[in-house]
Amino acid sequence: EDFAGAFADRGRPAISPGALALVSVLQASTSPSWGI
């Protein structure tokens, strides 16, 4: 729901926006080169 406005409400369902946000945060915290 935090990201509902960023996604279309029709068409193919997207991957969970909440999960994508968490993956991005985890990648930044565990991969120094990506985080930098």
PDB file of all heavy atoms in Angstrom:
ATOM      1  N   GLU A   1       0.825  -1.210   0.000  1.00  0.00           N
ATOM      2  CA  GLU A   1       0.000   0.000   0.000  1.00  0.00           C
ATOM      3  C   GLU A   1       0.862   1.265   0.000  1.00  0.00           C
ATOM      4  O   GLU A   1       0.468   2.305  -0.536  1.00  0.00           O
ATOM      5  CB  GLU A   1      -0.940   0.018   1.205  1.00  0.00           C
ATOM      6  CG  GLU A   1      -2.026  -1.035   1.147  1.00  0.00           C
ATOM      7  CD  GLU A   1      -1.542  -2.441   1.498  1.00  0.00           C
ATOM      8  OE1 GLU A   1      -0.527  -2.589   2.217  1.00  0.00           O
ATOM      9  OE2 GLU A   1      -2.183  -3.398   1.028  1.00  0.00           O
ATOM     10  N   ASP A   2       2.071   1.189   0.593  1.00  0.00           N
ATOM     11  CA  ASP A   2       2.976   2.346   0.603  1.00  0.00           C
ATOM     12  C   ASP A   2       3.362   2.776  -0.808  1.00  0.00           C
ATOM     13  O   ASP A   2       3.708   3.933  -1.036  1.00  0.00           O
ATOM     14  CB  ASP A   2       4.259   2.028   1.385  1.00  0.00           C
ATOM     15  CG  ASP A   2       4.025   1.794   2.862  1.00  0.00           C
ATOM     16  OD1 ASP A   2       3.010   2.294   3.395  1.00  0.00           O
ATOM     17  OD2 ASP A   2       4.854   1.107   3.491  1.00  0.00           O
ATOM     18  N   PHE A   3       3.316   1.842  -1.763  1.00  0.00           N
ATOM     19  CA  PHE A   3       3.782   2.108  -3.116  1.00  0.00           C
ATOM     20  C   PHE A   3       2.663   2.001  -4.150  1.00  0.00           C
ATOM     21  O   PHE A   3       2.929   2.005  -5.348  1.00  0.00           O
ATOM     22  CB  PHE A   3       4.899   1.119  -3.479  1.00  0.00           C
ATOM     23  CG  PHE A   3       6.078   1.217  -2.549  1.00  0.00           C
ATOM     24  CD1 PHE A   3       6.162   0.416  -1.428  1.00  0.00           C
ATOM     25  CD2 PHE A   3       7.077   2.136  -2.787  1.00  0.00           C
ATOM     26  CE1 PHE A   3       7.239   0.507  -0.557  1.00  0.00           C
ATOM     27  CE2 PHE A   3       8.161   2.242  -1.929  1.00  0.00           C
ATOM     28  CZ  PHE A   3       8.240   1.422  -0.812  1.00  0.00           C
ATOM     29  N   ALA A   4       1.447   1.909  -3.721  1.00  0.00           N
ATOM     30  CA  ALA A   4       0.318   1.675  -4.634  1.00  0.00           C
ATOM     31  C   ALA A   4       0.241   2.732  -5.734  1.00  0.00           C
ATOM     32  O   ALA A   4      -0.070   2.416  -6.881  1.00  0.00           O
ATOM     33  CB  ALA A   4      -0.990   1.629  -3.860  1.00  0.00           C
ATOM     34  N   GLY A   5       0.521   3.957  -5.420  1.00  0.00           N
ATOM     35  CA  GLY A   5       0.431   5.028  -6.407  1.00  0.00           C
ATOM     36  C   GLY A   5       1.456   4.933  -7.519  1.00  0.00           C
ATOM     37  O   GLY A   5       1.295   5.533  -8.581  1.00  0.00           O
ATOM     38  N   ALA A   6       2.509   4.148  -7.317  1.00  0.00           N
ATOM     39  CA  ALA A   6       3.573   4.038  -8.317  1.00  0.00           C
ATOM     40  C   ALA A   6       3.321   2.922  -9.328  1.00  0.00           C
ATOM     41  O   ALA A   6       4.086   2.763 -10.266  1.00  0.00           O
ATOM     42  CB  ALA A   6       4.908   3.793  -7.618  1.00  0.00           C
ATOM     43  N   PHE A   7       2.231   2.157  -9.127  1.00  0.00           N
ATOM     44  CA  PHE A   7       1.968   1.017  -9.989  1.00  0.00           C
ATOM     45  C   PHE A   7       0.599   1.131 -10.633  1.00  0.00           C
ATOM     46  O   PHE A   7      -0.344   1.618 -10.023  1.00  0.00           O
ATOM     47  CB  PHE A   7       2.061  -0.286  -9.188  1.00  0.00           C
ATOM     48  CG  PHE A   7       3.478  -0.628  -8.811  1.00  0.00           C
ATOM     49  CD1 PHE A   7       4.073  -0.055  -7.714  1.00  0.00           C
ATOM     50  CD2 PHE A   7       4.210  -1.515  -9.587  1.00  0.00           C
ATOM     51  CE1 PHE A   7       5.385  -0.349  -7.372  1.00  0.00           C
ATOM     52  CE2 PHE A   7       5.515  -1.818  -9.255  1.00  0.00           C
ATOM     53  CZ  PHE A   7       6.109  -1.234  -8.148  1.00  0.00           C
ATOM     54  N   ALA A   8       0.509   0.633 -11.861  1.00  0.00           N
ATOM     55  CA  ALA A   8      -0.761   0.653 -12.584  1.00  0.00           C
ATOM     56  C   ALA A   8      -1.755  -0.297 -11.921  1.00  0.00           C
ATOM     57  O   ALA A   8      -1.371  -1.282 -11.305  1.00  0.00           O
ATOM     58  CB  ALA A   8      -0.538   0.234 -14.039  1.00  0.00           C
ATOM     59  N   ASP A   9      -3.034   0.005 -12.062  1.00  0.00           N
ATOM     60  CA  ASP A   9      -4.052  -0.857 -11.473  1.00  0.00           C
ATOM     61  C   ASP A   9      -4.661  -1.803 -12.509  1.00  0.00           C
ATOM     62  O   ASP A   9      -5.603  -2.518 -12.221  1.00  0.00           O
ATOM     63  CB  ASP A   9      -5.145  -0.037 -10.799  1.00  0.00           C
ATOM     64  CG  ASP A   9      -5.791   0.956 -11.736  1.00  0.00           C
ATOM     65  OD1 ASP A   9      -5.328   1.098 -12.872  1.00  0.00           O
ATOM     66  OD2 ASP A   9      -6.763   1.600 -11.312  1.00  0.00           O
ATOM     67  N   ARG A  10      -4.110  -1.824 -13.718  1.00  0.00           N
ATOM     68  CA  ARG A  10      -4.573  -2.774 -14.716  1.00  0.00           C
ATOM     69  C   ARG A  10      -3.354  -3.402 -15.392  1.00  0.00           C
ATOM     70  O   ARG A  10      -2.239  -2.937 -15.225  1.00  0.00           O
ATOM     71  CB  ARG A  10      -5.463  -2.147 -15.773  1.00  0.00           C
ATOM     72  CG  ARG A  10      -5.401  -0.684 -15.919  1.00  0.00           C
ATOM     73  CD  ARG A  10      -6.099  -0.190 -17.119  1.00  0.00           C
ATOM     74  NE  ARG A  10      -5.070   0.516 -17.866  1.00  0.00           N
ATOM     75  CZ  ARG A  10      -5.272   1.486 -18.686  1.00  0.00           C
ATOM     76  NH1 ARG A  10      -6.477   1.845 -18.957  1.00  0.00           N
ATOM     77  NH2 ARG A  10      -4.312   2.088 -19.288  1.00  0.00           N
ATOM     78  N   GLY A  11      -3.609  -4.454 -16.130  1.00  0.00           N
ATOM     79  CA  GLY A  11      -2.511  -5.171 -16.770  1.00  0.00           C
ATOM     80  C   GLY A  11      -1.992  -6.285 -15.887  1.00  0.00           C
ATOM     81  O   GLY A  11      -2.602  -6.656 -14.899  1.00  0.00           O
ATOM     82  N   ARG A  12      -0.842  -6.781 -16.251  1.00  0.00           N
ATOM     83  CA  ARG A  12      -0.234  -7.894 -15.523  1.00  0.00           C
ATOM     84  C   ARG A  12       0.141  -7.454 -14.111  1.00  0.00           C
ATOM     85  O   ARG A  12       0.712  -6.377 -13.922  1.00  0.00           O
ATOM     86  CB  ARG A  12       1.007  -8.340 -16.275  1.00  0.00           C
ATOM     87  CG  ARG A  12       1.686  -9.518 -15.663  1.00  0.00           C
ATOM     88  CD  ARG A  12       2.820  -9.985 -16.557  1.00  0.00           C
ATOM     89  NE  ARG A  12       3.506 -11.056 -15.887  1.00  0.00           N
ATOM     90  CZ  ARG A  12       4.804 -11.251 -15.961  1.00  0.00           C
ATOM     91  NH1 ARG A  12       5.543 -10.448 -16.691  1.00  0.00           N
ATOM     92  NH2 ARG A  12       5.352 -12.247 -15.330  1.00  0.00           N
ATOM     93  N   PRO A  13      -0.149  -8.282 -13.109  1.00  0.00           N
ATOM     94  CA  PRO A  13       0.218  -7.923 -11.735  1.00  0.00           C
ATOM     95  C   PRO A  13       1.734  -7.766 -11.596  1.00  0.00           C
ATOM     96  O   PRO A  13       2.506  -8.527 -12.170  1.00  0.00           O
ATOM     97  CB  PRO A  13      -0.278  -9.101 -10.897  1.00  0.00           C
ATOM     98  CG  PRO A  13      -1.256  -9.822 -11.751  1.00  0.00           C
ATOM     99  CD  PRO A  13      -0.865  -9.552 -13.172  1.00  0.00           C
ATOM    100  N   ALA A  14       2.130  -6.785 -10.847  1.00  0.00           N
ATOM    101  CA  ALA A  14       3.554  -6.532 -10.612  1.00  0.00           C
ATOM    102  C   ALA A  14       4.054  -7.384  -9.458  1.00  0.00           C
ATOM    103  O   ALA A  14       3.278  -7.897  -8.663  1.00  0.00           O
ATOM    104  CB  ALA A  14       3.761  -5.057 -10.289  1.00  0.00           C
ATOM    105  N   ILE A  15       5.363  -7.501  -9.369  1.00  0.00           N
ATOM    106  CA  ILE A  15       5.972  -8.110  -8.183  1.00  0.00           C
ATOM    107  C   ILE A  15       5.660  -7.180  -7.024  1.00  0.00           C
ATOM    108  O   ILE A  15       5.570  -5.964  -7.175  1.00  0.00           O
ATOM    109  CB  ILE A  15       7.484  -8.248  -8.389  1.00  0.00           C
ATOM    110  CG1 ILE A  15       7.766  -9.235  -9.518  1.00  0.00           C
ATOM    111  CG2 ILE A  15       8.177  -8.679  -7.116  1.00  0.00           C
ATOM    112  CD1 ILE A  15       9.207  -9.328  -9.916  1.00  0.00           C
ATOM    113  N   SER A  16       5.519  -7.739  -5.851  1.00  0.00           N
ATOM    114  CA  SER A  16       5.178  -6.948  -4.669  1.00  0.00           C
ATOM    115  C   SER A  16       6.103  -5.741  -4.529  1.00  0.00           C
ATOM    116  O   SER A  16       7.317  -5.889  -4.366  1.00  0.00           O
ATOM    117  CB  SER A  16       5.297  -7.822  -3.423  1.00  0.00           C
ATOM    118  OG  SER A  16       5.322  -7.033  -2.267  1.00  0.00           O
ATOM    119  N   PRO A  17       5.565  -4.525  -4.595  1.00  0.00           N
ATOM    120  CA  PRO A  17       6.412  -3.336  -4.459  1.00  0.00           C
ATOM    121  C   PRO A  17       7.084  -3.263  -3.099  1.00  0.00           C
ATOM    122  O   PRO A  17       8.212  -2.789  -2.973  1.00  0.00           O
ATOM    123  CB  PRO A  17       5.468  -2.156  -4.686  1.00  0.00           C
ATOM    124  CG  PRO A  17       4.102  -2.717  -4.778  1.00  0.00           C
ATOM    125  CD  PRO A  17       4.180  -4.189  -4.886  1.00  0.00           C
ATOM    126  N   GLY A  18       6.407  -3.743  -2.070  1.00  0.00           N
ATOM    127  CA  GLY A  18       7.019  -3.760  -0.738  1.00  0.00           C
ATOM    128  C   GLY A  18       8.225  -4.677  -0.697  1.00  0.00           C
ATOM    129  O   GLY A  18       9.260  -4.346  -0.110  1.00  0.00           O
ATOM    130  N   ALA A  19       8.110  -5.832  -1.338  1.00  0.00           N
ATOM    131  CA  ALA A  19       9.234  -6.775  -1.396  1.00  0.00           C
ATOM    132  C   ALA A  19      10.393  -6.184  -2.201  1.00  0.00           C
ATOM    133  O   ALA A  19      11.555  -6.325  -1.821  1.00  0.00           O
ATOM    134  CB  ALA A  19       8.785  -8.096  -1.995  1.00  0.00           C
ATOM    135  N   LEU A  20      10.085  -5.517  -3.309  1.00  0.00           N
ATOM    136  CA  LEU A  20      11.141  -4.886  -4.103  1.00  0.00           C
ATOM    137  C   LEU A  20      11.879  -3.818  -3.308  1.00  0.00           C
ATOM    138  O   LEU A  20      13.101  -3.697  -3.393  1.00  0.00           O
ATOM    139  CB  LEU A  20      10.546  -4.281  -5.376  1.00  0.00           C
ATOM    140  CG  LEU A  20      10.037  -5.272  -6.420  1.00  0.00           C
ATOM    141  CD1 LEU A  20       9.329  -4.528  -7.552  1.00  0.00           C
ATOM    142  CD2 LEU A  20      11.165  -6.118  -6.965  1.00  0.00           C
ATOM    143  N   ALA A  21      11.161  -3.043  -2.527  1.00  0.00           N
ATOM    144  CA  ALA A  21      11.796  -2.011  -1.701  1.00  0.00           C
ATOM    145  C   ALA A  21      12.717  -2.646  -0.669  1.00  0.00           C
ATOM    146  O   ALA A  21      13.848  -2.183  -0.463  1.00  0.00           O
ATOM    147  CB  ALA A  21      10.733  -1.149  -1.023  1.00  0.00           C
ATOM    148  N   LEU A  22      12.256  -3.709  -0.016  1.00  0.00           N
ATOM    149  CA  LEU A  22      13.076  -4.377   0.992  1.00  0.00           C
ATOM    150  C   LEU A  22      14.322  -4.994   0.367  1.00  0.00           C
ATOM    151  O   LEU A  22      15.420  -4.882   0.917  1.00  0.00           O
ATOM    152  CB  LEU A  22      12.265  -5.442   1.732  1.00  0.00           C
ATOM    153  CG  LEU A  22      13.004  -6.171   2.848  1.00  0.00           C
ATOM    154  CD1 LEU A  22      13.524  -5.180   3.888  1.00  0.00           C
ATOM    155  CD2 LEU A  22      12.102  -7.202   3.494  1.00  0.00           C
ATOM    156  N   VAL A  23      14.186  -5.598  -0.800  1.00  0.00           N
ATOM    157  CA  VAL A  23      15.342  -6.178  -1.485  1.00  0.00           C
ATOM    158  C   VAL A  23      16.355  -5.085  -1.806  1.00  0.00           C
ATOM    159  O   VAL A  23      17.565  -5.275  -1.634  1.00  0.00           O
ATOM    160  CB  VAL A  23      14.909  -6.928  -2.766  1.00  0.00           C
ATOM    161  CG1 VAL A  23      16.090  -7.242  -3.662  1.00  0.00           C
ATOM    162  CG2 VAL A  23      14.168  -8.200  -2.397  1.00  0.00           C
ATOM    163  N   SER A  24      15.894  -3.935  -2.246  1.00  0.00           N
ATOM    164  CA  SER A  24      16.810  -2.823  -2.552  1.00  0.00           C
ATOM    165  C   SER A  24      17.578  -2.389  -1.313  1.00  0.00           C
ATOM    166  O   SER A  24      18.787  -2.154  -1.366  1.00  0.00           O
ATOM    167  CB  SER A  24      16.041  -1.632  -3.123  1.00  0.00           C
ATOM    168  OG  SER A  24      15.442  -1.994  -4.339  1.00  0.00           O
ATOM    169  N   VAL A  25      16.898  -2.291  -0.195  1.00  0.00           N
ATOM    170  CA  VAL A  25      17.553  -1.898   1.061  1.00  0.00           C
ATOM    171  C   VAL A  25      18.566  -2.958   1.482  1.00  0.00           C
ATOM    172  O   VAL A  25      19.690  -2.640   1.878  1.00  0.00           O
ATOM    173  CB  VAL A  25      16.510  -1.659   2.178  1.00  0.00           C
ATOM    174  CG1 VAL A  25      17.173  -1.500   3.523  1.00  0.00           C
ATOM    175  CG2 VAL A  25      15.656  -0.448   1.841  1.00  0.00           C
ATOM    176  N   LEU A  26      18.182  -4.226   1.404  1.00  0.00           N
ATOM    177  CA  LEU A  26      19.095  -5.298   1.797  1.00  0.00           C
ATOM    178  C   LEU A  26      20.314  -5.350   0.883  1.00  0.00           C
ATOM    179  O   LEU A  26      21.437  -5.566   1.345  1.00  0.00           O
ATOM    180  CB  LEU A  26      18.372  -6.635   1.809  1.00  0.00           C
ATOM    181  CG  LEU A  26      17.339  -6.798   2.920  1.00  0.00           C
ATOM    182  CD1 LEU A  26      16.546  -8.076   2.730  1.00  0.00           C
ATOM    183  CD2 LEU A  26      18.000  -6.768   4.289  1.00  0.00           C
ATOM    184  N   GLN A  27      20.128  -5.138  -0.411  1.00  0.00           N
ATOM    185  CA  GLN A  27      21.267  -5.124  -1.333  1.00  0.00           C
ATOM    186  C   GLN A  27      22.220  -3.998  -0.971  1.00  0.00           C
ATOM    187  O   GLN A  27      23.435  -4.182  -0.959  1.00  0.00           O
ATOM    188  CB  GLN A  27      20.798  -4.946  -2.768  1.00  0.00           C
ATOM    189  CG  GLN A  27      20.263  -6.205  -3.386  1.00  0.00           C
ATOM    190  CD  GLN A  27      19.807  -5.971  -4.823  1.00  0.00           C
ATOM    191  OE1 GLN A  27      19.466  -4.859  -5.210  1.00  0.00           O
ATOM    192  NE2 GLN A  27      19.805  -7.030  -5.603  1.00  0.00           N
ATOM    193  N   ALA A  28      21.692  -2.842  -0.671  1.00  0.00           N
ATOM    194  CA  ALA A  28      22.544  -1.701  -0.328  1.00  0.00           C
ATOM    195  C   ALA A  28      23.297  -1.953   0.971  1.00  0.00           C
ATOM    196  O   ALA A  28      24.439  -1.519   1.128  1.00  0.00           O
ATOM    197  CB  ALA A  28      21.702  -0.437  -0.216  1.00  0.00           C
ATOM    198  N   SER A  29      22.682  -2.682   1.894  1.00  0.00           N
ATOM    199  CA  SER A  29      23.332  -2.902   3.188  1.00  0.00           C
ATOM    200  C   SER A  29      24.333  -4.049   3.161  1.00  0.00           C
ATOM    201  O   SER A  29      25.193  -4.126   4.023  1.00  0.00           O
ATOM    202  CB  SER A  29      22.283  -3.174   4.265  1.00  0.00           C
ATOM    203  OG  SER A  29      21.667  -4.425   4.045  1.00  0.00           O
ATOM    204  N   THR A  30      24.256  -4.937   2.178  1.00  0.00           N
ATOM    205  CA  THR A  30      25.143  -6.102   2.150  1.00  0.00           C
ATOM    206  C   THR A  30      26.158  -6.072   1.031  1.00  0.00           C
ATOM    207  O   THR A  30      27.052  -6.895   0.997  1.00  0.00           O
ATOM    208  CB  THR A  30      24.332  -7.411   2.045  1.00  0.00           C
ATOM    209  OG1 THR A  30      23.563  -7.378   0.852  1.00  0.00           O
ATOM    210  CG2 THR A  30      23.424  -7.590   3.244  1.00  0.00           C
ATOM    211  N   SER A  31      26.045  -5.159   0.105  1.00  0.00           N
ATOM    212  CA  SER A  31      26.968  -5.093  -1.023  1.00  0.00           C
ATOM    213  C   SER A  31      27.623  -3.716  -1.052  1.00  0.00           C
ATOM    214  O   SER A  31      27.044  -2.759  -1.548  1.00  0.00           O
ATOM    215  CB  SER A  31      26.201  -5.336  -2.332  1.00  0.00           C
ATOM    216  OG  SER A  31      27.074  -5.186  -3.421  1.00  0.00           O
ATOM    217  N   PRO A  32      28.830  -3.603  -0.510  1.00  0.00           N
ATOM    218  CA  PRO A  32      29.480  -2.284  -0.433  1.00  0.00           C
ATOM    219  C   PRO A  32      29.584  -1.570  -1.768  1.00  0.00           C
ATOM    220  O   PRO A  32      29.312  -0.381  -1.844  1.00  0.00           O
ATOM    221  CB  PRO A  32      30.871  -2.607   0.103  1.00  0.00           C
ATOM    222  CG  PRO A  32      30.730  -3.915   0.783  1.00  0.00           C
ATOM    223  CD  PRO A  32      29.639  -4.663   0.042  1.00  0.00           C
ATOM    224  N   SER A  33      29.926  -2.277  -2.841  1.00  0.00           N
ATOM    225  CA  SER A  33      30.083  -1.575  -4.113  1.00  0.00           C
ATOM    226  C   SER A  33      28.744  -1.054  -4.624  1.00  0.00           C
ATOM    227  O   SER A  33      28.664   0.036  -5.177  1.00  0.00           O
ATOM    228  CB  SER A  33      30.721  -2.491  -5.161  1.00  0.00           C
ATOM    229  OG  SER A  33      29.898  -3.619  -5.382  1.00  0.00           O
ATOM    230  N   TRP A  34      27.663  -1.833  -4.445  1.00  0.00           N
ATOM    231  CA  TRP A  34      26.349  -1.379  -4.879  1.00  0.00           C
ATOM    232  C   TRP A  34      25.900  -0.210  -4.013  1.00  0.00           C
ATOM    233  O   TRP A  34      25.391   0.781  -4.517  1.00  0.00           O
ATOM    234  CB  TRP A  34      25.322  -2.518  -4.784  1.00  0.00           C
ATOM    235  CG  TRP A  34      24.020  -2.176  -5.409  1.00  0.00           C
ATOM    236  CD1 TRP A  34      23.671  -2.376  -6.698  1.00  0.00           C
ATOM    237  CD2 TRP A  34      22.871  -1.582  -4.800  1.00  0.00           C
ATOM    238  NE1 TRP A  34      22.387  -1.943  -6.932  1.00  0.00           N
ATOM    239  CE2 TRP A  34      21.893  -1.446  -5.771  1.00  0.00           C
ATOM    240  CE3 TRP A  34      22.599  -1.133  -3.517  1.00  0.00           C
ATOM    241  CZ2 TRP A  34      20.636  -0.895  -5.501  1.00  0.00           C
ATOM    242  CZ3 TRP A  34      21.363  -0.584  -3.246  1.00  0.00           C
ATOM    243  CH2 TRP A  34      20.396  -0.468  -4.239  1.00  0.00           C
ATOM    244  N   GLY A  35      26.108  -0.300  -2.717  1.00  0.00           N
ATOM    245  CA  GLY A  35      25.689   0.775  -1.824  1.00  0.00           C
ATOM    246  C   GLY A  35      26.409   2.075  -2.099  1.00  0.00           C
ATOM    247  O   GLY A  35      25.831   3.141  -2.081  1.00  0.00           O
ATOM    248  N   ILE A  36      27.689   1.979  -2.383  1.00  0.00           N
ATOM    249  CA  ILE A  36      28.458   3.195  -2.677  1.00  0.00           C
ATOM    250  C   ILE A  36      27.987   3.814  -3.984  1.00  0.00           C
ATOM    251  O   ILE A  36      27.796   5.022  -4.070  1.00  0.00           O
ATOM    252  CB  ILE A  36      29.970   2.859  -2.744  1.00  0.00           C
ATOM    253  CG1 ILE A  36      30.486   2.517  -1.341  1.00  0.00           C
ATOM    254  CG2 ILE A  36      30.759   4.005  -3.342  1.00  0.00           C
ATOM    255  CD1 ILE A  36      31.876   1.950  -1.315  1.00  0.00           C
TER     256      ILE A  36
END
